[in-house]
Amino acid sequence: MESDRQKSSSVGTLLSTLLNEVTALVRGEAALAKAEMSEKTHQAMAGVGAVATAGAGLVAGF
């Protein structure tokens, strides 16, 4: 059987590993969210540009 010291060391190691993995996961998710928001911003700006161009064409046509 394992001694209490070995068990606590194992639990400590598991908790440390868990903390490291959760931290990496949160950082990865934050980076993904940032990339997605950047992409959506670029798409929105392209849409605004298209609407502005169409508006300018409409005004110039009259």
Protein backbone atom coordinates (compact mmCIF):
# COMPACT_ATOMS: atom_id res chain seq x y z
CA MET A 1 0.00 0.00 0.00
CA GLU A 2 1.02 3.56 -0.55
CA SER A 3 1.91 5.69 2.39
CA ASP A 4 0.07 8.91 3.18
CA ARG A 5 3.05 10.87 1.90
CA GLN A 6 2.95 9.13 -1.49
CA LYS A 7 -0.79 9.69 -1.77
CA SER A 8 -0.52 13.39 -0.96
CA SER A 9 2.34 13.72 -3.42
CA SER A 10 0.23 12.05 -6.08
CA VAL A 11 -2.73 14.30 -5.32
CA GLY A 12 -0.46 17.34 -5.37
CA THR A 13 0.96 16.29 -8.71
CA LEU A 14 -2.50 15.70 -10.13
CA LEU A 15 -3.74 19.07 -8.92
CA SER A 16 -0.69 20.80 -10.36
CA THR A 17 -1.18 19.08 -13.70
CA LEU A 18 -4.88 19.95 -13.66
CA LEU A 19 -4.12 23.60 -12.95
CA ASN A 20 -1.57 23.75 -15.77
CA GLU A 21 -3.96 22.14 -18.24
CA VAL A 22 -6.90 24.37 -17.27
CA THR A 23 -4.67 27.43 -17.61
CA ALA A 24 -3.54 26.32 -21.07
CA LEU A 25 -7.15 25.62 -22.08
CA VAL A 26 -8.35 29.05 -20.95
CA ARG A 27 -5.50 30.76 -22.79
CA GLY A 28 -6.24 28.77 -25.93
CA GLU A 29 -9.93 29.62 -25.76
CA ALA A 30 -9.13 33.30 -25.27
CA ALA A 31 -6.84 33.27 -28.30
CA LEU A 32 -9.52 31.54 -30.36
CA ALA A 33 -12.17 34.06 -29.29
CA LYS A 34 -9.82 36.90 -30.19
CA ALA A 35 -9.19 35.43 -33.64
CA GLU A 36 -12.91 34.89 -34.23
CA MET A 37 -13.74 38.46 -33.20
CA SER A 38 -11.03 39.79 -35.50
CA GLU A 39 -12.46 37.81 -38.40
CA LYS A 40 -16.00 39.01 -37.69
CA THR A 41 -14.77 42.61 -37.47
CA HIS A 42 -13.13 42.31 -40.88
CA GLN A 43 -16.33 40.82 -42.32
CA ALA A 44 -18.41 43.63 -40.81
CA MET A 45 -16.06 46.29 -42.18
CA ALA A 46 -16.31 44.73 -45.64
CA GLY A 47 -20.11 44.85 -45.36
CA VAL A 48 -20.02 48.50 -44.28
CA GLY A 49 -17.74 49.27 -47.23
CA ALA A 50 -20.12 47.58 -49.66
CA VAL A 51 -23.12 49.48 -48.27
CA ALA A 52 -21.20 52.78 -48.45
CA THR A 53 -20.19 52.07 -52.05
CA ALA A 54 -23.76 51.20 -52.99
CA GLY A 55 -25.00 54.35 -51.26
CA ALA A 56 -22.47 56.51 -53.08
CA GLY A 57 -23.47 54.90 -56.37
CA LEU A 58 -27.14 55.48 -55.63
CA VAL A 59 -26.56 59.15 -54.76
CA ALA A 60 -24.36 59.67 -57.85
CA GLY A 61 -27.02 58.10 -60.03
CA PHE A 62 -29.61 60.72 -59.13
